[in-house]
Amino acid sequence: MEKYLDAFVNAFLGTVEWTWKSIIFEVPWYTNFFWGLVVISLVVWLLEIAFPWRKEQSIIRQDFWLDAFYMFFNFFIFAIVISGIYEILGLLFGEFNVTAKSLSLIDITGWAPWLQLLVFFIILDFVQWFTHVLLHKYPFLWKFHKVHHSVKEMGFAAHLRYHWMENILYKPLKVFGVMIIGGFEPEQAYIIHFIAIAIGHLNHANIKITWGPLKYIFNNPVMHLYHHAYVLPKGSYGVNYGISLSLWDYIFKTNYIPEDSGTIEIGFKGDDKFPKDFLHQNLYGFKKGQR
């Protein structure tokens, strides 16, 4: 037990230290996700201000500050809280001889760096797309995912507005995705993580971007707005699940873009009764009778 307690404390304190060092610029710039998130957010926000898709939408839109808090909570604060638990799980798997490499299907360690990054990006994006489908399909998971869909005016910060339980759900599947490619992240994986943050911010931004013919590969704000549509196609529990790539939606026929005015209502049936504050949103889903 002492071993697990030490592992928990060391991981927790290590994550706190790394986060603080990021804030005060004592980590390499390419691993500084704190200021990277700040810079990307400011750039996309300026693009929203300069080129608004929905011109009547306020610069400080509805729930702007709530979503800004969600960004830092989910990206940093919750990561600190949960880091010790992940360290304990790693020790438990190790005792059963389950290692990062033991489940690998392919080994990309000897491949060219650019190809490692491409495969890493594609596999992790598919894992997240699949997880996203599950969040919509199963009522127990949808209860938590409702937090993300409770956004009523879309903007870049809505990207990271989600229930803390989604961290619990996504993380193991992301780890599984890494295991598939040999149990490691490519040395330049930070490039992929920054690209994913930028694409996610843009997809939620009040900017009209479709990427032209590349819309069949990359997700975009027009496509993702319909993912948040209040009214979905009859019989569907969701559309346009793409995270960074729209590719999977076109392959699995879950794509849906009937028009591109950007004026549709977003949310879900009953969202007028959904909690409006951070605390109650993150307690939502645990009470009986909540759907």
C-alpha atoms as a PDB file:
ATOM      1  CA  MET A   1       0.000   0.000   0.000  1.00  0.00           C
ATOM      2  CA  GLU A   2       2.851   2.363   0.825  1.00  0.00           C
ATOM      3  CA  LYS A   3       4.226   1.874  -2.698  1.00  0.00           C
ATOM      4  CA  TYR A   4       0.950   2.998  -4.238  1.00  0.00           C
ATOM      5  CA  LEU A   5       0.607   5.949  -1.876  1.00  0.00           C
ATOM      6  CA  ASP A   6       4.124   7.124  -2.736  1.00  0.00           C
ATOM      7  CA  ALA A   7       3.386   6.723  -6.442  1.00  0.00           C
ATOM      8  CA  PHE A   8       0.211   8.779  -6.077  1.00  0.00           C
ATOM      9  CA  VAL A   9       1.901  11.585  -4.161  1.00  0.00           C
ATOM     10  CA  ASN A  10       4.949  11.707  -6.443  1.00  0.00           C
ATOM     11  CA  ALA A  11       2.816  11.832  -9.592  1.00  0.00           C
ATOM     12  CA  PHE A  12       0.540  14.492  -8.117  1.00  0.00           C
ATOM     13  CA  LEU A  13       3.411  16.707  -6.978  1.00  0.00           C
ATOM     14  CA  GLY A  14       5.298  16.118 -10.223  1.00  0.00           C
ATOM     15  CA  THR A  15       2.330  17.318 -12.282  1.00  0.00           C
ATOM     16  CA  VAL A  16       1.895  20.367 -10.041  1.00  0.00           C
ATOM     17  CA  GLU A  17       5.586  21.204 -10.452  1.00  0.00           C
ATOM     18  CA  TRP A  18       5.503  20.755 -14.236  1.00  0.00           C
ATOM     19  CA  THR A  19       2.412  22.955 -14.536  1.00  0.00           C
ATOM     20  CA  TRP A  20       3.995  25.697 -12.422  1.00  0.00           C
ATOM     21  CA  LYS A  21       7.232  25.505 -14.401  1.00  0.00           C
ATOM     22  CA  SER A  22       5.169  25.859 -17.576  1.00  0.00           C
ATOM     23  CA  ILE A  23       3.538  29.004 -16.226  1.00  0.00           C
ATOM     24  CA  ILE A  24       6.903  30.589 -15.372  1.00  0.00           C
ATOM     25  CA  PHE A  25       8.542  29.468 -18.670  1.00  0.00           C
ATOM     26  CA  GLU A  26      10.914  26.902 -17.149  1.00  0.00           C
ATOM     27  CA  VAL A  27      10.056  24.114 -19.592  1.00  0.00           C
ATOM     28  CA  PRO A  28      10.990  23.858 -23.303  1.00  0.00           C
ATOM     29  CA  TRP A  29       8.647  26.049 -25.343  1.00  0.00           C
ATOM     30  CA  TYR A  30       7.460  23.118 -27.447  1.00  0.00           C
ATOM     31  CA  THR A  31       6.180  21.300 -24.344  1.00  0.00           C
ATOM     32  CA  ASN A  32       4.618  24.376 -22.751  1.00  0.00           C
ATOM     33  CA  PHE A  33       0.958  23.567 -23.203  1.00  0.00           C
ATOM     34  CA  PHE A  34      -0.132  26.204 -20.694  1.00  0.00           C
ATOM     35  CA  TRP A  35       1.031  29.167 -22.751  1.00  0.00           C
ATOM     36  CA  GLY A  36       0.444  27.241 -25.962  1.00  0.00           C
ATOM     37  CA  LEU A  37      -3.240  27.013 -25.044  1.00  0.00           C
ATOM     38  CA  VAL A  38      -3.303  30.726 -24.173  1.00  0.00           C
ATOM     39  CA  VAL A  39      -1.695  31.780 -27.466  1.00  0.00           C
ATOM     40  CA  ILE A  40      -3.891  29.530 -29.621  1.00  0.00           C
ATOM     41  CA  SER A  41      -7.005  30.764 -27.776  1.00  0.00           C
ATOM     42  CA  LEU A  42      -6.093  34.422 -28.287  1.00  0.00           C
ATOM     43  CA  VAL A  43      -5.332  33.919 -31.989  1.00  0.00           C
ATOM     44  CA  VAL A  44      -8.622  32.105 -32.671  1.00  0.00           C
ATOM     45  CA  TRP A  45     -10.564  34.647 -30.591  1.00  0.00           C
ATOM     46  CA  LEU A  46      -9.047  37.486 -32.644  1.00  0.00           C
ATOM     47  CA  LEU A  47     -10.110  35.647 -35.804  1.00  0.00           C
ATOM     48  CA  GLU A  48     -13.646  35.419 -34.401  1.00  0.00           C
ATOM     49  CA  ILE A  49     -13.622  39.160 -33.759  1.00  0.00           C
ATOM     50  CA  ALA A  50     -12.194  40.022 -37.192  1.00  0.00           C
ATOM     51  CA  PHE A  51     -14.206  37.539 -39.283  1.00  0.00           C
ATOM     52  CA  PRO A  52     -17.394  36.622 -37.387  1.00  0.00           C
ATOM     53  CA  TRP A  53     -19.646  34.066 -39.046  1.00  0.00           C
ATOM     54  CA  ARG A  54     -22.665  35.000 -36.900  1.00  0.00           C
ATOM     55  CA  LYS A  55     -22.241  38.765 -36.885  1.00  0.00           C
ATOM     56  CA  GLU A  56     -24.974  39.337 -34.302  1.00  0.00           C
ATOM     57  CA  GLN A  57     -23.152  37.194 -31.749  1.00  0.00           C
ATOM     58  CA  SER A  58     -21.387  39.161 -29.026  1.00  0.00           C
ATOM     59  CA  ILE A  59     -17.591  39.045 -28.725  1.00  0.00           C
ATOM     60  CA  ILE A  60     -18.102  38.061 -25.083  1.00  0.00           C
ATOM     61  CA  ARG A  61     -20.796  35.535 -25.943  1.00  0.00           C
ATOM     62  CA  GLN A  62     -23.081  33.669 -23.566  1.00  0.00           C
ATOM     63  CA  ASP A  63     -21.056  31.546 -21.086  1.00  0.00           C
ATOM     64  CA  PHE A  64     -17.748  32.871 -22.442  1.00  0.00           C
ATOM     65  CA  TRP A  65     -16.075  33.021 -19.021  1.00  0.00           C
ATOM     66  CA  LEU A  66     -17.548  29.694 -17.909  1.00  0.00           C
ATOM     67  CA  ASP A  67     -16.055  28.028 -20.981  1.00  0.00           C
ATOM     68  CA  ALA A  68     -12.726  29.780 -20.420  1.00  0.00           C
ATOM     69  CA  PHE A  69     -12.619  28.287 -16.921  1.00  0.00           C
ATOM     70  CA  TYR A  70     -13.469  24.857 -18.344  1.00  0.00           C
ATOM     71  CA  MET A  71     -10.445  25.147 -20.652  1.00  0.00           C
ATOM     72  CA  PHE A  72      -7.980  25.469 -17.817  1.00  0.00           C
ATOM     73  CA  PHE A  73      -9.825  23.117 -15.486  1.00  0.00           C
ATOM     74  CA  ASN A  74      -9.945  20.208 -17.932  1.00  0.00           C
ATOM     75  CA  PHE A  75      -6.521  20.808 -19.423  1.00  0.00           C
ATOM     76  CA  PHE A  76      -4.568  21.421 -16.210  1.00  0.00           C
ATOM     77  CA  ILE A  77      -6.399  21.314 -12.870  1.00  0.00           C
ATOM     78  CA  PHE A  78      -8.101  17.969 -13.433  1.00  0.00           C
ATOM     79  CA  ALA A  79      -4.891  16.567 -14.948  1.00  0.00           C
ATOM     80  CA  ILE A  80      -3.159  17.348 -11.656  1.00  0.00           C
ATOM     81  CA  VAL A  81      -5.924  15.736  -9.600  1.00  0.00           C
ATOM     82  CA  ILE A  82      -6.065  12.536 -11.651  1.00  0.00           C
ATOM     83  CA  SER A  83      -2.336  12.069 -12.318  1.00  0.00           C
ATOM     84  CA  GLY A  84      -1.752  10.028  -9.158  1.00  0.00           C
ATOM     85  CA  ILE A  85      -4.557   7.615  -9.982  1.00  0.00           C
ATOM     86  CA  TYR A  86      -3.141   6.969 -13.446  1.00  0.00           C
ATOM     87  CA  GLU A  87       0.256   6.268 -11.880  1.00  0.00           C
ATOM     88  CA  ILE A  88      -1.308   3.657  -9.567  1.00  0.00           C
ATOM     89  CA  LEU A  89      -3.108   2.030 -12.502  1.00  0.00           C
ATOM     90  CA  GLY A  90       0.218   1.842 -14.347  1.00  0.00           C
ATOM     91  CA  LEU A  91       1.758  -0.012 -11.402  1.00  0.00           C
ATOM     92  CA  LEU A  92      -1.167  -2.430 -11.228  1.00  0.00           C
ATOM     93  CA  PHE A  93      -0.931  -3.238 -14.937  1.00  0.00           C
ATOM     94  CA  GLY A  94       2.812  -3.755 -14.520  1.00  0.00           C
ATOM     95  CA  GLU A  95       2.209  -6.369 -11.834  1.00  0.00           C
ATOM     96  CA  PHE A  96       0.178  -8.350 -14.373  1.00  0.00           C
ATOM     97  CA  ASN A  97       2.977  -7.968 -16.935  1.00  0.00           C
ATOM     98  CA  VAL A  98       0.834  -5.688 -19.098  1.00  0.00           C
ATOM     99  CA  THR A  99       3.195  -3.125 -20.572  1.00  0.00           C
ATOM    100  CA  ALA A 100       2.811  -0.448 -23.215  1.00  0.00           C
ATOM    101  CA  LYS A 101       4.509  -2.713 -25.755  1.00  0.00           C
ATOM    102  CA  SER A 102       2.791  -5.968 -24.840  1.00  0.00           C
ATOM    103  CA  LEU A 103      -0.408  -5.055 -26.713  1.00  0.00           C
ATOM    104  CA  SER A 104       1.213  -3.384 -29.723  1.00  0.00           C
ATOM    105  CA  LEU A 105       0.006  -4.382 -33.175  1.00  0.00           C
ATOM    106  CA  ILE A 106       2.604  -2.418 -35.118  1.00  0.00           C
ATOM    107  CA  ASP A 107       5.999  -1.025 -34.193  1.00  0.00           C
ATOM    108  CA  ILE A 108       6.668   2.378 -35.736  1.00  0.00           C
ATOM    109  CA  THR A 109       9.862   3.157 -33.819  1.00  0.00           C
ATOM    110  CA  GLY A 110      12.027   2.606 -36.897  1.00  0.00           C
ATOM    111  CA  TRP A 111       9.869   4.622 -39.276  1.00  0.00           C
ATOM    112  CA  ALA A 112      10.657   8.106 -40.562  1.00  0.00           C
ATOM    113  CA  PRO A 113       9.669  10.783 -37.999  1.00  0.00           C
ATOM    114  CA  TRP A 114       7.045  12.355 -40.268  1.00  0.00           C
ATOM    115  CA  LEU A 115       5.416   8.956 -40.849  1.00  0.00           C
ATOM    116  CA  GLN A 116       5.427   8.201 -37.108  1.00  0.00           C
ATOM    117  CA  LEU A 117       3.619  11.482 -36.486  1.00  0.00           C
ATOM    118  CA  LEU A 118       1.079  10.837 -39.241  1.00  0.00           C
ATOM    119  CA  VAL A 119       0.209   7.338 -37.994  1.00  0.00           C
ATOM    120  CA  PHE A 120       0.090   8.586 -34.388  1.00  0.00           C
ATOM    121  CA  PHE A 121      -2.279  11.397 -35.394  1.00  0.00           C
ATOM    122  CA  ILE A 122      -4.592   9.166 -37.444  1.00  0.00           C
ATOM    123  CA  ILE A 123      -4.875   6.359 -34.878  1.00  0.00           C
ATOM    124  CA  LEU A 124      -5.466   8.665 -31.919  1.00  0.00           C
ATOM    125  CA  ASP A 125      -8.033  10.682 -33.859  1.00  0.00           C
ATOM    126  CA  PHE A 126      -9.943   7.519 -34.794  1.00  0.00           C
ATOM    127  CA  VAL A 127      -9.914   6.348 -31.157  1.00  0.00           C
ATOM    128  CA  GLN A 128     -11.352   9.709 -30.100  1.00  0.00           C
ATOM    129  CA  TRP A 129     -13.947   9.617 -32.907  1.00  0.00           C
ATOM    130  CA  PHE A 130     -15.050   6.146 -31.767  1.00  0.00           C
ATOM    131  CA  THR A 131     -15.226   7.277 -28.126  1.00  0.00           C
ATOM    132  CA  HIS A 132     -17.287  10.287 -29.211  1.00  0.00           C
ATOM    133  CA  VAL A 133     -19.781   7.984 -30.942  1.00  0.00           C
ATOM    134  CA  LEU A 134     -20.137   5.980 -27.717  1.00  0.00           C
ATOM    135  CA  LEU A 135     -20.795   9.169 -25.734  1.00  0.00           C
ATOM    136  CA  HIS A 136     -23.830   9.834 -27.922  1.00  0.00           C
ATOM    137  CA  LYS A 137     -25.069   6.288 -28.360  1.00  0.00           C
ATOM    138  CA  TYR A 138     -25.298   5.110 -24.759  1.00  0.00           C
ATOM    139  CA  PRO A 139     -27.586   7.031 -22.334  1.00  0.00           C
ATOM    140  CA  PHE A 140     -25.245   6.556 -19.344  1.00  0.00           C
ATOM    141  CA  LEU A 141     -22.394   8.234 -21.244  1.00  0.00           C
ATOM    142  CA  TRP A 142     -24.648  10.822 -22.885  1.00  0.00           C
ATOM    143  CA  LYS A 143     -25.607  12.156 -19.444  1.00  0.00           C
ATOM    144  CA  PHE A 144     -22.014  13.332 -18.998  1.00  0.00           C
ATOM    145  CA  HIS A 145     -21.553  14.490 -22.592  1.00  0.00           C
ATOM    146  CA  LYS A 146     -24.565  16.764 -22.219  1.00  0.00           C
ATOM    147  CA  VAL A 147     -22.300  19.314 -20.534  1.00  0.00           C
ATOM    148  CA  HIS A 148     -20.491  19.882 -23.831  1.00  0.00           C
ATOM    149  CA  HIS A 149     -23.765  20.125 -25.727  1.00  0.00           C
ATOM    150  CA  SER A 150     -25.297  22.577 -23.250  1.00  0.00           C
ATOM    151  CA  VAL A 151     -23.475  25.389 -25.111  1.00  0.00           C
ATOM    152  CA  LYS A 152     -26.091  27.741 -26.588  1.00  0.00           C
ATOM    153  CA  GLU A 153     -23.750  30.133 -28.436  1.00  0.00           C
ATOM    154  CA  MET A 154     -20.766  28.574 -30.144  1.00  0.00           C
ATOM    155  CA  GLY A 155     -17.272  29.952 -29.692  1.00  0.00           C
ATOM    156  CA  PHE A 156     -13.694  28.676 -29.536  1.00  0.00           C
ATOM    157  CA  ALA A 157     -13.666  28.090 -25.751  1.00  0.00           C
ATOM    158  CA  ALA A 158     -16.574  25.640 -26.047  1.00  0.00           C
ATOM    159  CA  HIS A 159     -13.977  23.194 -27.372  1.00  0.00           C
ATOM    160  CA  LEU A 160     -12.878  22.247 -23.846  1.00  0.00           C
ATOM    161  CA  ARG A 161     -16.225  22.588 -22.090  1.00  0.00           C
ATOM    162  CA  TYR A 162     -16.900  19.012 -21.041  1.00  0.00           C
ATOM    163  CA  HIS A 163     -17.702  16.957 -17.959  1.00  0.00           C
ATOM    164  CA  TRP A 164     -14.681  15.716 -16.009  1.00  0.00           C
ATOM    165  CA  MET A 165     -15.892  12.139 -16.542  1.00  0.00           C
ATOM    166  CA  GLU A 166     -14.948  12.492 -20.213  1.00  0.00           C
ATOM    167  CA  ASN A 167     -11.306  12.670 -19.129  1.00  0.00           C
ATOM    168  CA  ILE A 168     -11.819   9.313 -17.420  1.00  0.00           C
ATOM    169  CA  LEU A 169     -13.385   7.833 -20.562  1.00  0.00           C
ATOM    170  CA  TYR A 170     -11.015   9.231 -23.187  1.00  0.00           C
ATOM    171  CA  LYS A 171      -7.697   8.693 -21.424  1.00  0.00           C
ATOM    172  CA  PRO A 172      -7.683   4.851 -21.311  1.00  0.00           C
ATOM    173  CA  LEU A 173      -8.713   4.623 -24.960  1.00  0.00           C
ATOM    174  CA  LYS A 174      -6.001   7.109 -25.946  1.00  0.00           C
ATOM    175  CA  VAL A 175      -3.477   4.973 -24.053  1.00  0.00           C
ATOM    176  CA  PHE A 176      -4.785   1.930 -25.937  1.00  0.00           C
ATOM    177  CA  GLY A 177      -4.240   3.807 -29.193  1.00  0.00           C
ATOM    178  CA  VAL A 178      -0.633   4.489 -28.206  1.00  0.00           C
ATOM    179  CA  MET A 179      -0.180   0.807 -27.310  1.00  0.00           C
ATOM    180  CA  ILE A 180      -1.298  -0.177 -30.800  1.00  0.00           C
ATOM    181  CA  ILE A 181       1.621   1.710 -32.386  1.00  0.00           C
ATOM    182  CA  GLY A 182       4.315   0.185 -30.233  1.00  0.00           C
ATOM    183  CA  GLY A 183       3.609   1.738 -26.871  1.00  0.00           C
ATOM    184  CA  PHE A 184       5.200   5.142 -27.316  1.00  0.00           C
ATOM    185  CA  GLU A 185       4.526   8.677 -28.500  1.00  0.00           C
ATOM    186  CA  PRO A 186       6.793   9.949 -31.302  1.00  0.00           C
ATOM    187  CA  GLU A 187       9.452  12.388 -30.125  1.00  0.00           C
ATOM    188  CA  GLN A 188       7.714  15.263 -31.902  1.00  0.00           C
ATOM    189  CA  ALA A 189       4.219  14.315 -30.652  1.00  0.00           C
ATOM    190  CA  TYR A 190       3.870  17.814 -29.213  1.00  0.00           C
ATOM    191  CA  ILE A 191       3.303  18.989 -32.816  1.00  0.00           C
ATOM    192  CA  ILE A 192       0.220  16.774 -33.072  1.00  0.00           C
ATOM    193  CA  HIS A 193      -1.110  17.906 -29.702  1.00  0.00           C
ATOM    194  CA  PHE A 194      -0.811  21.587 -30.627  1.00  0.00           C
ATOM    195  CA  ILE A 195      -2.421  20.946 -34.030  1.00  0.00           C
ATOM    196  CA  ALA A 196      -5.302  19.119 -32.328  1.00  0.00           C
ATOM    197  CA  ILE A 197      -5.876  22.047 -29.927  1.00  0.00           C
ATOM    198  CA  ALA A 198      -5.882  24.530 -32.816  1.00  0.00           C
ATOM    199  CA  ILE A 199      -8.268  22.452 -34.950  1.00  0.00           C
ATOM    200  CA  GLY A 200     -10.591  21.897 -31.973  1.00  0.00           C
ATOM    201  CA  HIS A 201     -10.683  25.627 -31.218  1.00  0.00           C
ATOM    202  CA  LEU A 202     -11.381  26.462 -34.866  1.00  0.00           C
ATOM    203  CA  ASN A 203     -14.137  23.846 -35.107  1.00  0.00           C
ATOM    204  CA  HIS A 204     -16.012  25.550 -32.278  1.00  0.00           C
ATOM    205  CA  ALA A 205     -15.190  29.115 -33.331  1.00  0.00           C
ATOM    206  CA  ASN A 206     -17.585  31.694 -34.738  1.00  0.00           C
ATOM    207  CA  ILE A 207     -15.761  31.566 -38.078  1.00  0.00           C
ATOM    208  CA  LYS A 208     -16.956  30.119 -41.370  1.00  0.00           C
ATOM    209  CA  ILE A 209     -14.273  27.749 -42.637  1.00  0.00           C
ATOM    210  CA  THR A 210     -14.852  24.681 -44.814  1.00  0.00           C
ATOM    211  CA  TRP A 211     -11.308  23.989 -46.172  1.00  0.00           C
ATOM    212  CA  GLY A 212     -12.627  23.457 -49.722  1.00  0.00           C
ATOM    213  CA  PRO A 213     -11.954  19.914 -51.009  1.00  0.00           C
ATOM    214  CA  LEU A 214     -10.061  19.205 -47.762  1.00  0.00           C
ATOM    215  CA  LYS A 215     -13.410  19.233 -45.927  1.00  0.00           C
ATOM    216  CA  TYR A 216     -13.533  15.486 -46.585  1.00  0.00           C
ATOM    217  CA  ILE A 217     -10.402  15.086 -44.490  1.00  0.00           C
ATOM    218  CA  PHE A 218     -10.397  17.837 -41.868  1.00  0.00           C
ATOM    219  CA  ASN A 219     -13.210  18.790 -39.539  1.00  0.00           C
ATOM    220  CA  ASN A 220     -14.455  22.391 -39.762  1.00  0.00           C
ATOM    221  CA  PRO A 221     -16.757  24.885 -37.973  1.00  0.00           C
ATOM    222  CA  VAL A 222     -19.649  24.405 -40.421  1.00  0.00           C
ATOM    223  CA  MET A 223     -19.600  20.638 -40.021  1.00  0.00           C
ATOM    224  CA  HIS A 224     -19.172  20.745 -36.270  1.00  0.00           C
ATOM    225  CA  LEU A 225     -21.970  23.263 -35.732  1.00  0.00           C
ATOM    226  CA  TYR A 226     -24.369  20.605 -37.009  1.00  0.00           C
ATOM    227  CA  HIS A 227     -22.933  18.169 -34.500  1.00  0.00           C
ATOM    228  CA  HIS A 228     -24.363  20.548 -31.874  1.00  0.00           C
ATOM    229  CA  ALA A 229     -27.696  21.041 -33.676  1.00  0.00           C
ATOM    230  CA  TYR A 230     -30.812  21.031 -31.487  1.00  0.00           C
ATOM    231  CA  VAL A 231     -32.721  19.179 -34.201  1.00  0.00           C
ATOM    232  CA  LEU A 232     -30.954  16.087 -35.565  1.00  0.00           C
ATOM    233  CA  PRO A 233     -31.940  13.863 -38.499  1.00  0.00           C
ATOM    234  CA  LYS A 234     -34.835  11.584 -37.573  1.00  0.00           C
ATOM    235  CA  GLY A 235     -33.693   8.385 -35.899  1.00  0.00           C
ATOM    236  CA  SER A 236     -30.168   9.684 -35.314  1.00  0.00           C
ATOM    237  CA  TYR A 237     -28.461  10.048 -31.938  1.00  0.00           C
ATOM    238  CA  GLY A 238     -25.756  12.245 -33.449  1.00  0.00           C
ATOM    239  CA  VAL A 239     -23.896  13.367 -36.575  1.00  0.00           C
ATOM    240  CA  ASN A 240     -20.463  14.741 -37.491  1.00  0.00           C
ATOM    241  CA  TYR A 241     -18.502  13.131 -34.649  1.00  0.00           C
ATOM    242  CA  GLY A 242     -15.117  14.140 -36.058  1.00  0.00           C
ATOM    243  CA  ILE A 243     -12.515  15.516 -33.669  1.00  0.00           C
ATOM    244  CA  SER A 244      -9.703  16.725 -35.944  1.00  0.00           C
ATOM    245  CA  LEU A 245     -10.586  14.631 -38.991  1.00  0.00           C
ATOM    246  CA  SER A 246     -13.936  14.558 -40.792  1.00  0.00           C
ATOM    247  CA  LEU A 247     -12.697  11.520 -42.691  1.00  0.00           C
ATOM    248  CA  TRP A 248     -14.337   9.006 -40.341  1.00  0.00           C
ATOM    249  CA  ASP A 249     -17.772  10.592 -40.687  1.00  0.00           C
ATOM    250  CA  TYR A 250     -17.624  10.352 -44.467  1.00  0.00           C
ATOM    251  CA  ILE A 251     -16.379   6.758 -44.290  1.00  0.00           C
ATOM    252  CA  PHE A 252     -19.036   5.622 -41.789  1.00  0.00           C
ATOM    253  CA  LYS A 253     -21.831   7.783 -43.251  1.00  0.00           C
ATOM    254  CA  THR A 254     -22.383   9.945 -40.165  1.00  0.00           C
ATOM    255  CA  ASN A 255     -21.754  13.212 -42.053  1.00  0.00           C
ATOM    256  CA  TYR A 256     -24.580  15.760 -42.216  1.00  0.00           C
ATOM    257  CA  ILE A 257     -24.423  19.361 -43.494  1.00  0.00           C
ATOM    258  CA  PRO A 258     -27.814  20.426 -44.939  1.00  0.00           C
ATOM    259  CA  GLU A 259     -26.875  24.146 -45.202  1.00  0.00           C
ATOM    260  CA  ASP A 260     -24.227  26.574 -43.993  1.00  0.00           C
ATOM    261  CA  SER A 261     -25.952  29.720 -42.717  1.00  0.00           C
ATOM    262  CA  GLY A 262     -24.674  29.154 -39.177  1.00  0.00           C
ATOM    263  CA  THR A 263     -28.009  30.317 -37.755  1.00  0.00           C
ATOM    264  CA  ILE A 264     -29.350  27.003 -36.470  1.00  0.00           C
ATOM    265  CA  GLU A 265     -30.343  26.463 -32.851  1.00  0.00           C
ATOM    266  CA  ILE A 266     -27.865  24.376 -30.896  1.00  0.00           C
ATOM    267  CA  GLY A 267     -28.261  22.335 -27.722  1.00  0.00           C
ATOM    268  CA  PHE A 268     -30.596  19.450 -26.883  1.00  0.00           C
ATOM    269  CA  LYS A 269     -34.180  18.862 -25.818  1.00  0.00           C
ATOM    270  CA  GLY A 270     -34.593  19.975 -22.215  1.00  0.00           C
ATOM    271  CA  ASP A 271     -31.421  22.064 -22.122  1.00  0.00           C
ATOM    272  CA  ASP A 272     -33.409  24.955 -20.645  1.00  0.00           C
ATOM    273  CA  LYS A 273     -33.555  22.922 -17.418  1.00  0.00           C
ATOM    274  CA  PHE A 274     -29.900  21.887 -17.526  1.00  0.00           C
ATOM    275  CA  PRO A 275     -27.627  23.347 -14.778  1.00  0.00           C
ATOM    276  CA  LYS A 276     -26.024  26.656 -15.737  1.00  0.00           C
ATOM    277  CA  ASP A 277     -23.079  26.726 -13.319  1.00  0.00           C
ATOM    278  CA  PHE A 278     -19.829  24.756 -13.310  1.00  0.00           C
ATOM    279  CA  LEU A 279     -20.382  22.869 -10.053  1.00  0.00           C
ATOM    280  CA  HIS A 280     -23.844  21.539 -10.819  1.00  0.00           C
ATOM    281  CA  GLN A 281     -22.928  20.714 -14.410  1.00  0.00           C
ATOM    282  CA  ASN A 282     -20.087  18.543 -13.150  1.00  0.00           C
ATOM    283  CA  LEU A 283     -22.296  16.819 -10.595  1.00  0.00           C
ATOM    284  CA  TYR A 284     -24.841  16.116 -13.306  1.00  0.00           C
ATOM    285  CA  GLY A 285     -25.217  12.521 -14.410  1.00  0.00           C
ATOM    286  CA  PHE A 286     -24.760  10.857 -11.045  1.00  0.00           C
ATOM    287  CA  LYS A 287     -28.312  11.181  -9.749  1.00  0.00           C
ATOM    288  CA  LYS A 288     -30.994   8.628 -10.490  1.00  0.00           C
ATOM    289  CA  GLY A 289     -33.579   9.766 -12.981  1.00  0.00           C
ATOM    290  CA  GLN A 290     -31.214  12.067 -14.906  1.00  0.00           C
ATOM    291  CA  ARG A 291     -31.183  11.250 -18.587  1.00  0.00           C
END
